Protein backbone atom coordinates (compact mmCIF):
# COMPACT_ATOMS: atom_id res chain seq x y z
CA UNK A 1 -22.75 -36.17 -0.99
CA UNK A 2 -22.67 -38.46 2.00
CA UNK A 3 -26.44 -38.29 2.40
CA UNK A 4 -26.84 -39.88 -1.05
CA UNK A 5 -24.45 -42.69 -0.23
CA UNK A 6 -26.10 -43.36 3.11
CA UNK A 7 -29.58 -43.49 1.59
CA UNK A 8 -28.52 -45.70 -1.30
CA UNK A 9 -26.68 -48.08 1.01
CA UNK A 10 -29.69 -48.36 3.33
CA UNK A 11 -32.06 -49.16 0.44
CA UNK A 12 -29.86 -51.00 -2.06
CA UNK A 13 -31.53 -54.39 -1.53
CA UNK A 14 -34.95 -52.88 -2.19
CA UNK A 15 -33.65 -51.06 -5.27
CA UNK A 16 -32.40 -54.36 -6.67
CA UNK A 17 -35.56 -56.30 -5.86
CA UNK A 18 -37.70 -53.66 -7.54
CA UNK A 19 -35.62 -53.99 -10.69
CA UNK A 20 -35.95 -57.77 -10.61
CA UNK A 21 -39.74 -57.42 -10.41
CA UNK A 22 -39.68 -55.15 -13.48
CA UNK A 23 -37.54 -57.66 -15.36
CA UNK A 24 -40.10 -60.39 -14.72
CA UNK A 25 -42.60 -58.65 -17.01
CA UNK A 26 -42.13 -59.89 -20.62
CA UNK A 27 -42.60 -56.49 -22.25
CA UNK A 28 -41.73 -57.56 -25.81
CA UNK A 29 -42.98 -54.79 -28.07
CA UNK A 30 -42.46 -56.74 -31.29
CA UNK A 31 -44.92 -59.48 -30.37
CA UNK A 32 -48.67 -58.87 -30.41
CA UNK A 33 -49.33 -61.55 -27.80
CA UNK A 34 -47.51 -59.40 -25.24
CA UNK A 35 -49.84 -56.41 -25.55
CA UNK A 36 -51.21 -56.94 -22.02
CA UNK A 37 -47.67 -57.35 -20.67
CA UNK A 38 -46.75 -54.01 -22.24
CA UNK A 39 -49.64 -52.32 -20.43
CA UNK A 40 -48.71 -54.07 -17.18
CA UNK A 41 -45.12 -52.92 -17.52
CA UNK A 42 -46.15 -49.32 -18.27
CA UNK A 43 -48.27 -49.35 -15.13
CA UNK A 44 -45.34 -50.68 -13.10
CA UNK A 45 -43.08 -47.93 -14.45
CA UNK A 46 -45.64 -45.25 -13.61
CA UNK A 47 -45.96 -46.60 -10.07
CA UNK A 48 -42.19 -46.59 -9.67
CA UNK A 49 -42.08 -42.90 -10.63
CA UNK A 50 -44.81 -42.06 -8.13
CA UNK A 51 -43.05 -44.00 -5.41
CA UNK A 52 -39.78 -42.23 -6.23
CA UNK A 53 -41.36 -38.84 -5.61
CA UNK A 54 -42.73 -37.64 -8.93
CA UNK A 55 -45.52 -35.13 -8.31
CA UNK A 56 -47.30 -35.92 -11.56
CA UNK A 57 -47.39 -39.10 -13.64
CA UNK A 58 -49.46 -40.26 -16.57
CA UNK A 59 -49.70 -43.15 -19.02
CA UNK A 60 -50.37 -41.89 -22.53
CA UNK A 61 -51.89 -44.37 -25.00
CA UNK A 62 -50.57 -44.39 -28.56
CA UNK A 63 -51.50 -46.25 -31.71
CA UNK A 64 -49.08 -48.87 -30.42
CA UNK A 65 -47.77 -49.29 -26.90
CA UNK A 66 -48.21 -46.64 -24.18
CA UNK A 67 -45.75 -43.94 -23.14
CA UNK A 68 -45.10 -43.27 -19.46
CA UNK A 69 -44.51 -39.70 -18.29
CA UNK A 70 -43.58 -38.34 -14.90
CA UNK A 71 -42.20 -35.11 -13.47
CA UNK A 72 -40.85 -33.51 -10.32
CA UNK A 73 -40.92 -29.73 -10.58
CA UNK A 74 -39.25 -27.96 -7.66
CA UNK A 75 -38.98 -24.49 -9.24
CA UNK A 76 -40.08 -23.45 -12.75
CA UNK A 77 -37.13 -21.06 -12.85
CA UNK A 78 -34.59 -23.84 -12.41
CA UNK A 79 -33.19 -25.98 -15.25
CA UNK A 80 -35.14 -29.07 -16.28
CA UNK A 81 -33.58 -32.42 -17.19
CA UNK A 82 -35.67 -34.74 -19.37
CA UNK A 83 -34.75 -38.39 -18.84
CA UNK A 84 -35.50 -40.73 -21.75
CA UNK A 85 -35.63 -44.52 -21.57
CA UNK A 86 -37.64 -47.48 -22.78
CA UNK A 87 -39.40 -50.29 -20.96
CA UNK A 88 -39.83 -52.56 -23.99
CA UNK A 89 -37.34 -55.31 -24.68
CA UNK A 90 -36.18 -57.47 -27.57
CA UNK A 91 -37.66 -60.93 -28.15
CA UNK A 92 -35.77 -63.57 -26.17
CA UNK A 93 -35.29 -66.04 -29.04
CA UNK A 94 -33.56 -68.42 -29.34
CA UNK A 95 -34.84 -69.62 -25.96
CA UNK A 96 -32.78 -72.81 -25.98
CA UNK A 97 -29.57 -70.78 -25.68
CA UNK A 98 -30.56 -69.13 -22.40
CA UNK A 99 -28.99 -70.61 -19.26
CA UNK A 100 -32.04 -69.51 -17.29
CA UNK A 101 -35.48 -68.12 -18.09
CA UNK A 102 -35.19 -64.74 -19.87
CA UNK A 103 -37.95 -63.33 -17.65
CA UNK A 104 -36.91 -65.19 -14.51
CA UNK A 105 -34.02 -62.99 -13.31
CA UNK A 106 -31.04 -64.88 -11.90
CA UNK A 107 -28.05 -63.38 -10.11
CA UNK A 108 -24.75 -65.14 -10.76
CA UNK A 109 -21.30 -63.83 -9.90
CA UNK A 110 -22.70 -60.38 -9.20
CA UNK A 111 -24.56 -60.09 -12.51
CA UNK A 112 -28.30 -60.00 -13.24
CA UNK A 113 -29.24 -62.33 -16.09
CA UNK A 114 -32.56 -61.44 -17.74
CA UNK A 115 -33.92 -59.89 -20.91
CA UNK A 116 -33.88 -56.12 -20.42
CA UNK A 117 -31.41 -56.26 -17.53
CA UNK A 118 -29.17 -53.73 -19.29
CA UNK A 119 -31.24 -52.71 -22.33
CA UNK A 120 -32.94 -50.70 -21.00
CA UNK A 121 -34.79 -51.51 -17.78
CA UNK A 122 -31.71 -51.69 -15.59
CA UNK A 123 -30.38 -48.44 -17.01
CA UNK A 124 -33.49 -46.26 -16.94
CA UNK A 125 -34.38 -47.59 -13.48
CA UNK A 126 -31.12 -46.10 -12.18
CA UNK A 127 -32.63 -42.69 -12.89
CA UNK A 128 -35.81 -43.57 -11.02
CA UNK A 129 -33.80 -44.55 -7.94
CA UNK A 130 -31.54 -41.51 -8.33
CA UNK A 131 -34.66 -39.32 -8.25
CA UNK A 132 -35.85 -41.09 -5.11
CA UNK A 133 -32.44 -40.57 -3.51
CA UNK A 134 -32.46 -36.84 -4.18
CA UNK A 135 -36.10 -36.38 -3.13
CA UNK A 136 -35.72 -38.31 0.09
CA UNK A 137 -32.51 -36.46 1.03
CA UNK A 138 -34.03 -33.08 0.08
CA UNK A 139 -31.22 -32.43 -2.37
CA UNK A 140 -32.82 -32.17 -5.79
CA UNK A 141 -31.06 -29.37 -7.65
CA UNK A 142 -33.29 -29.04 -10.69
CA UNK A 143 -36.57 -30.16 -12.22
CA UNK A 144 -36.72 -33.68 -13.60
CA UNK A 145 -39.04 -35.12 -16.24
CA UNK A 146 -39.26 -38.71 -17.43
CA UNK A 147 -40.31 -40.00 -20.85
CA UNK A 148 -40.23 -43.80 -20.85
CA UNK A 149 -41.57 -45.33 -24.05
CA UNK A 150 -42.57 -48.84 -25.03
CA UNK A 151 -41.57 -49.03 -28.69
CA UNK A 152 -37.85 -48.28 -28.92
CA UNK A 153 -37.01 -51.82 -29.94
CA UNK A 154 -39.38 -51.60 -32.91
CA UNK A 155 -38.22 -48.19 -34.12
CA UNK A 156 -40.38 -45.85 -31.99
CA UNK A 157 -43.12 -45.56 -34.66
CA UNK A 158 -45.46 -43.48 -32.49
CA UNK A 159 -42.99 -41.35 -30.57
CA UNK A 160 -42.64 -38.60 -33.17
CA UNK A 161 -46.36 -37.79 -33.17
CA UNK A 162 -46.39 -37.81 -29.36
CA UNK A 163 -43.42 -35.46 -29.12
CA UNK A 164 -44.84 -33.07 -31.73
CA UNK A 165 -48.19 -32.95 -29.89
CA UNK A 166 -46.65 -32.48 -26.42
CA UNK A 167 -43.84 -29.96 -26.81
CA UNK A 168 -45.06 -27.98 -23.81
CA UNK A 169 -45.21 -31.06 -21.62
CA UNK A 170 -41.69 -32.07 -22.65
CA UNK A 171 -40.16 -28.61 -22.39
CA UNK A 172 -36.71 -28.97 -20.82
CA UNK A 173 -33.11 -27.80 -21.07
CA UNK A 174 -31.33 -31.08 -21.80
CA UNK A 175 -32.11 -34.74 -22.42
CA UNK A 176 -30.29 -37.39 -20.41
CA UNK A 177 -30.17 -40.97 -21.74
CA UNK A 178 -28.70 -44.14 -20.26
CA UNK A 179 -29.01 -46.63 -23.10
CA UNK A 180 -25.34 -46.87 -24.03
CA UNK A 181 -22.24 -48.52 -22.62
CA UNK A 182 -18.82 -47.84 -21.13
CA UNK A 183 -15.48 -49.27 -22.17
CA UNK A 184 -15.20 -50.85 -18.71
CA UNK A 185 -15.64 -49.97 -15.07
CA UNK A 186 -11.87 -49.51 -14.85
CA UNK A 187 -11.87 -47.25 -17.90
CA UNK A 188 -15.10 -45.23 -17.81
CA UNK A 189 -16.21 -43.56 -21.01
CA UNK A 190 -19.01 -41.42 -22.42
CA UNK A 191 -20.57 -41.97 -25.80
CA UNK A 192 -20.42 -38.72 -27.72
CA UNK A 193 -22.42 -40.11 -30.59
CA UNK A 194 -24.55 -42.99 -31.82
CA UNK A 195 -24.95 -44.32 -35.32
CA UNK A 196 -28.08 -44.07 -37.40
CA UNK A 197 -30.06 -47.05 -38.67
CA UNK A 198 -31.64 -48.30 -41.87
CA UNK A 199 -33.53 -51.59 -41.59
CA UNK A 200 -35.07 -53.47 -44.53
CA UNK A 201 -36.50 -56.87 -45.39
CA UNK A 202 -35.96 -58.69 -48.68
CA UNK A 203 -38.21 -61.39 -50.17
CA UNK A 204 -37.05 -63.54 -53.08
CA UNK A 205 -39.58 -65.70 -54.93
CA UNK A 206 -38.84 -68.46 -57.41
CA UNK A 207 -41.31 -71.22 -58.37
CA UNK A 208 -44.93 -70.98 -57.35
CA UNK A 209 -44.52 -73.74 -54.75
CA UNK A 210 -41.85 -75.70 -52.90
CA UNK A 211 -40.36 -78.32 -55.22
CA UNK A 212 -38.69 -81.72 -54.90
CA UNK A 213 -35.00 -80.89 -55.06
CA UNK A 214 -34.20 -84.13 -56.83
CA UNK A 215 -36.78 -83.66 -59.56
CA UNK A 216 -36.27 -79.93 -60.10
CA UNK A 217 -32.84 -79.18 -58.63
CA UNK A 218 -30.40 -77.85 -61.22
CA UNK A 219 -33.19 -76.75 -63.51
CA UNK A 220 -34.90 -74.06 -61.41
CA UNK A 221 -33.29 -71.10 -59.63
CA UNK A 222 -33.22 -71.67 -55.88
CA UNK A 223 -34.39 -68.50 -54.03
CA UNK A 224 -32.16 -69.23 -51.03
CA UNK A 225 -29.09 -69.55 -53.24
CA UNK A 226 -30.00 -66.44 -55.20
CA UNK A 227 -30.55 -64.44 -52.02
CA UNK A 228 -27.21 -65.61 -50.60
CA UNK A 229 -25.46 -64.44 -53.77
CA UNK A 230 -27.20 -61.08 -53.63
CA UNK A 231 -26.19 -60.55 -50.02
CA UNK A 232 -22.61 -61.63 -50.73
CA UNK A 233 -22.40 -58.97 -53.44
CA UNK A 234 -22.92 -56.20 -50.86
CA UNK A 235 -19.24 -56.35 -49.78
CA UNK A 236 -16.06 -56.43 -51.85
CA UNK A 237 -12.77 -58.19 -51.09
CA UNK A 238 -11.84 -55.40 -48.63
CA UNK A 239 -15.21 -55.69 -46.86
CA UNK A 240 -16.15 -52.33 -48.31
CA UNK A 241 -19.89 -51.90 -48.99
CA UNK A 242 -20.53 -51.98 -52.75
CA UNK A 243 -24.00 -50.41 -52.93
CA UNK A 244 -23.70 -47.43 -55.31
CA UNK A 245 -23.58 -44.10 -53.48
CA UNK A 246 -23.52 -45.69 -50.02
CA UNK A 247 -20.55 -43.60 -48.82
CA UNK A 248 -21.43 -40.38 -50.66
CA UNK A 249 -22.40 -38.37 -47.56
CA UNK A 250 -20.10 -39.97 -44.99
CA UNK A 251 -18.19 -37.43 -42.90
CA UNK A 252 -14.77 -38.98 -42.41
CA UNK A 253 -13.39 -38.87 -38.87
CA UNK A 254 -10.41 -36.57 -38.49
CA UNK A 255 -6.92 -37.84 -37.77
CA UNK A 256 -7.22 -36.14 -34.37
CA UNK A 257 -10.39 -38.06 -33.47
CA UNK A 258 -8.90 -41.34 -34.66
CA UNK A 259 -5.84 -40.66 -32.52
CA UNK A 260 -8.04 -40.10 -29.46
CA UNK A 261 -9.94 -43.31 -30.17
CA UNK A 262 -6.65 -45.18 -30.36
CA UNK A 263 -5.91 -44.24 -26.75
CA UNK A 264 -8.90 -46.22 -25.51
CA UNK A 265 -7.75 -49.49 -23.89
CA UNK A 266 -8.43 -52.43 -26.18
CA UNK A 267 -7.21 -56.01 -26.16
CA UNK A 268 -7.84 -57.88 -29.37
CA UNK A 269 -7.10 -61.16 -27.61
CA UNK A 270 -9.68 -60.53 -24.89
CA UNK A 271 -12.18 -59.34 -27.50
CA UNK A 272 -11.85 -62.54 -29.51
CA UNK A 273 -11.86 -64.76 -26.43
CA UNK A 274 -15.07 -63.15 -25.14
CA UNK A 275 -16.78 -63.81 -28.48
CA UNK A 276 -15.35 -67.29 -28.98
CA UNK A 277 -13.75 -66.47 -32.34
CA UNK A 278 -10.19 -66.74 -33.63
CA UNK A 279 -10.27 -64.01 -36.26
CA UNK A 280 -11.74 -60.50 -36.57
CA UNK A 281 -13.41 -59.22 -39.74
CA UNK A 282 -14.15 -55.79 -41.09
CA UNK A 283 -13.47 -52.95 -43.46
CA UNK A 284 -9.81 -52.80 -44.45
CA UNK A 285 -7.88 -49.80 -43.17
CA UNK A 286 -9.74 -49.38 -39.87
CA UNK A 287 -9.30 -50.71 -36.36
CA UNK A 288 -11.97 -52.70 -34.54
CA UNK A 289 -13.06 -49.69 -32.47
CA UNK A 290 -13.24 -47.55 -35.60
CA UNK A 291 -15.29 -50.17 -37.46
CA UNK A 292 -17.86 -50.23 -34.66
CA UNK A 293 -17.96 -46.48 -34.08
CA UNK A 294 -17.00 -44.19 -36.94
CA UNK A 295 -17.74 -46.39 -39.97
CA UNK A 296 -21.08 -47.37 -41.52
CA UNK A 297 -21.91 -51.07 -41.79
CA UNK A 298 -24.30 -53.51 -43.46
CA UNK A 299 -25.26 -56.68 -41.62
CA UNK A 300 -27.68 -59.55 -42.19
CA UNK A 301 -29.85 -59.88 -39.08
CA UNK A 302 -31.71 -62.98 -40.19
CA UNK A 303 -32.08 -65.21 -43.23
CA UNK A 304 -34.51 -68.04 -43.81
CA UNK A 305 -36.32 -70.14 -46.37
CA UNK A 306 -37.11 -73.73 -47.20
CA UNK A 307 -37.10 -76.49 -44.62
CA UNK A 308 -35.54 -75.63 -41.25
CA UNK A 309 -37.21 -78.20 -39.00
CA UNK A 310 -35.79 -81.31 -37.42
CA UNK A 311 -34.35 -83.94 -39.68
CA UNK A 312 -34.09 -83.72 -43.48
CA UNK A 313 -36.47 -82.70 -46.23
CA UNK A 314 -35.16 -82.46 -49.77
CA UNK A 315 -36.91 -79.34 -50.93
CA UNK A 316 -36.21 -76.53 -53.35
CA UNK A 317 -37.98 -73.63 -51.64
CA UNK A 318 -40.39 -71.27 -53.29
CA UNK A 319 -39.28 -68.27 -51.20
CA UNK A 320 -36.37 -66.92 -49.21
CA UNK A 321 -36.19 -63.94 -46.86
CA UNK A 322 -33.60 -61.79 -45.15
CA UNK A 323 -33.64 -58.92 -42.68
CA UNK A 324 -30.79 -56.47 -43.22
CA UNK A 325 -29.69 -53.44 -41.22
CA UNK A 326 -27.19 -50.69 -41.86
CA UNK A 327 -25.58 -48.56 -39.17
CA UNK A 328 -25.02 -45.02 -40.37
CA UNK A 329 -22.59 -42.26 -39.45
CA UNK A 330 -22.71 -38.46 -39.81
CA UNK A 331 -23.82 -37.14 -42.37
CA UNK A 332 -25.73 -40.11 -43.78
CA UNK A 333 -29.51 -39.96 -44.12
CA UNK A 334 -31.52 -43.07 -43.23
CA UNK A 335 -34.08 -42.15 -45.88
CA UNK A 336 -31.44 -41.91 -48.61
CA UNK A 337 -29.61 -45.06 -47.56
CA UNK A 338 -32.82 -47.07 -47.27
CA UNK A 339 -33.79 -46.11 -50.81
CA UNK A 340 -30.33 -47.03 -52.10
CA UNK A 341 -30.47 -50.46 -50.46
CA UNK A 342 -34.01 -51.20 -51.62
CA UNK A 343 -33.18 -50.12 -55.18
CA UNK A 344 -29.98 -52.16 -55.12
CA UNK A 345 -31.62 -55.46 -54.19
CA UNK A 346 -34.36 -55.03 -56.75
CA UNK A 347 -31.86 -54.04 -59.48
CA UNK A 348 -29.61 -57.09 -59.00
CA UNK A 349 -32.40 -59.67 -58.99
CA UNK A 350 -31.05 -62.70 -60.87
CA UNK A 351 -32.98 -64.26 -63.74
CA UNK A 352 -35.44 -66.87 -62.56
CA UNK A 353 -36.57 -65.10 -59.38
CA UNK A 354 -38.45 -61.95 -58.44
CA UNK A 355 -37.48 -59.64 -55.58
CA UNK A 356 -39.50 -57.48 -53.22
CA UNK A 357 -37.94 -55.28 -50.55
CA UNK A 358 -39.46 -52.96 -47.96
CA UNK A 359 -38.38 -50.79 -45.08
CA UNK A 360 -38.99 -51.66 -41.44
CA UNK A 361 -37.67 -48.53 -39.70
CA UNK A 362 -34.74 -46.18 -39.53
CA UNK A 363 -33.13 -43.34 -37.61
CA UNK A 364 -30.46 -40.70 -37.93
CA UNK A 365 -26.95 -40.62 -36.45
CA UNK A 366 -26.36 -38.21 -33.59
CA UNK A 367 -23.34 -36.44 -32.08
CA UNK A 368 -23.06 -34.70 -28.69
CA UNK A 369 -20.80 -31.62 -28.57
CA UNK A 370 -18.05 -32.19 -25.99
CA UNK A 371 -17.68 -28.47 -25.26
CA UNK A 372 -21.24 -28.23 -23.86
CA UNK A 373 -22.37 -27.79 -20.26
CA UNK A 374 -24.25 -31.09 -20.38
CA UNK A 375 -21.20 -33.06 -21.51
CA UNK A 376 -18.96 -31.40 -18.95
CA UNK A 377 -21.52 -32.16 -16.22
CA UNK A 378 -21.65 -35.83 -17.22
CA UNK A 379 -17.87 -36.08 -17.41
CA UNK A 380 -17.43 -34.44 -14.02
CA UNK A 381 -20.10 -36.67 -12.45
CA UNK A 382 -18.38 -39.81 -13.71
CA UNK A 383 -14.96 -38.55 -12.64
CA UNK A 384 -16.39 -37.86 -9.15
CA UNK A 385 -17.62 -41.40 -8.60
CA UNK A 386 -15.07 -43.36 -10.62
CA UNK A 387 -12.03 -41.30 -9.73
CA UNK A 388 -11.08 -41.15 -13.41
CA UNK A 389 -11.82 -38.78 -16.25
CA UNK A 390 -14.06 -40.58 -18.79
CA UNK A 391 -12.86 -41.21 -22.33
CA UNK A 392 -15.11 -39.78 -25.07
CA UNK A 393 -16.02 -42.52 -27.56
CA UNK A 394 -18.55 -43.09 -30.33
CA UNK A 395 -21.13 -45.79 -29.72
CA UNK A 396 -21.85 -48.42 -32.34
CA UNK A 397 -25.56 -48.76 -31.61
CA UNK A 398 -28.47 -46.58 -32.63
CA UNK A 399 -31.05 -44.56 -30.72
CA UNK A 400 -33.30 -43.36 -33.55
CA UNK A 401 -35.18 -40.80 -31.48
CA UNK A 402 -32.13 -38.57 -30.84
CA UNK A 403 -32.42 -36.56 -34.04
CA UNK A 404 -36.19 -36.33 -33.47
CA UNK A 405 -35.70 -34.81 -30.01
CA UNK A 406 -33.24 -32.22 -31.25
CA UNK A 407 -35.43 -31.27 -34.22
CA UNK A 408 -38.74 -31.03 -32.35
CA UNK A 409 -37.64 -29.91 -28.88
CA UNK A 410 -34.45 -28.04 -29.74
CA UNK A 411 -32.53 -29.93 -27.05
CA UNK A 412 -29.08 -31.45 -26.89
CA UNK A 413 -28.63 -34.98 -25.59
CA UNK A 414 -26.02 -36.38 -23.25
CA UNK A 415 -25.42 -40.11 -22.95
CA UNK A 416 -24.57 -41.62 -19.58
CA UNK A 417 -24.60 -45.37 -20.10
CA UNK A 418 -23.31 -47.80 -17.50
CA UNK A 419 -23.61 -51.06 -19.42
CA UNK A 420 -20.83 -52.94 -21.17
CA UNK A 421 -20.60 -54.09 -24.78
CA UNK A 422 -20.20 -57.63 -23.41
CA UNK A 423 -23.62 -57.55 -21.68
CA UNK A 424 -25.20 -59.64 -24.48
CA UNK A 425 -27.64 -56.96 -25.60
CA UNK A 426 -30.25 -58.41 -27.98
CA UNK A 427 -28.70 -61.85 -27.37
CA UNK A 428 -29.41 -64.82 -25.12
CA UNK A 429 -28.20 -64.44 -21.53
CA UNK A 430 -28.39 -60.65 -21.44
CA UNK A 431 -26.82 -59.43 -18.22
CA UNK A 432 -26.11 -56.34 -16.16
CA UNK A 433 -23.58 -56.12 -13.37
CA UNK A 434 -25.10 -55.15 -10.03
CA UNK A 435 -22.03 -52.97 -9.43
CA UNK A 436 -22.84 -51.01 -12.58
CA UNK A 437 -26.47 -50.62 -11.52
CA UNK A 438 -25.49 -49.18 -8.17
CA UNK A 439 -22.72 -47.07 -9.71
CA UNK A 440 -25.25 -45.45 -12.01
CA UNK A 441 -27.55 -44.58 -9.12
CA UNK A 442 -24.56 -43.10 -7.31
CA UNK A 443 -23.38 -41.04 -10.30
CA UNK A 444 -26.62 -39.64 -11.74
CA UNK A 445 -27.36 -37.20 -8.86
CA UNK A 446 -23.99 -35.58 -9.45
CA UNK A 447 -24.97 -34.90 -13.05
CA UNK A 448 -28.02 -32.98 -11.86
CA UNK A 449 -25.88 -31.03 -9.41
CA UNK A 450 -23.11 -30.14 -11.85
CA UNK A 451 -25.47 -29.41 -14.73
CA UNK A 452 -27.46 -26.99 -12.57
CA UNK A 453 -24.31 -25.30 -11.30
CA UNK A 454 -23.10 -24.90 -14.89
CA UNK A 455 -26.31 -23.12 -15.89
């Protein structure tokens, strides 16, 4: 609609500046010292919903960080879209690798560089500005609710209890999420699924104190070496995960789905150049896109122990640690996989060390049916603004709350992400293209229109 374009064009500078202000708040949910920043960010999100035209907003405290809710109800008899997003962000470490301050947004070559620019402040804020656009142009087709949480990056530990206690408040017809990516702006796509997650931490203990590596080296098992060997044993020569029973429940993708995935544009040369590597790695028998979409994985997210400071210290460490995550595919259960991984690391503990392992958090894989009204509405909205039919793909990331929403609220989810895999999510120099930000604001109102018409 021309009215949408005119309004968005007239206010685009303000839209951008508001996002930059939100990005300046270091809302790091994993760090206790940012508790006040989390509250400040929740308050800023609530204000943005009010300013956009929400009739009712509220900040709900939890045992952790607060949840922000807002709604615009135009007619109880019309469909209701529940928008989910998160205002918390990952820690910015390592800070020395950032080209600019992670919470001092910088615009370079049309891209916003800041922690949370794409994941997920830039993406959920598109929905806030889309709501404002529709309200101000008197063209809202359906009811809209917002659930913006502050603990997604730490596994949403308090969301389940909130959802279970507020089913009436969250009653809707569909959930709309922008926390995923597209193949590119030239080749738009829609994620039809996200992988599940199992996240554990392993602690290996050897001697009762750090030792002089010259005096004791060669006579005492080194926990770092033992941990490295244990981790290395998790993959075989074909990069297949060796943990017993790991693949038992995996639903293999059909030849038809793999053929569709193969049609997605992909340049291995560009992929390697972007990452600064000269060779790809992964499970034998699968393409890169398949390895990051339809196959489960096991990755070490961090490993440490001993002396890691400046200079040298000849020490044989007492302890070593690793954080390990697995991405899961249908029909894998995070609970089952977590138990298998924990049991595995304890069972292979080498002589001379003891092993402890515990779970951090997990979540289930999720698939969106492509024959649904919500998917068709999203596809049509993207085709309207991009001029191209989007390609259905499976996302490699995880949004643990998806299975929770479907179980507790009985709702299907549609993903409309406008980021790119190259946006450095969870990495230094996270970015989000301003074009993508504006394109999302332009596209989202069409989803509401087409979804309502389809009902």
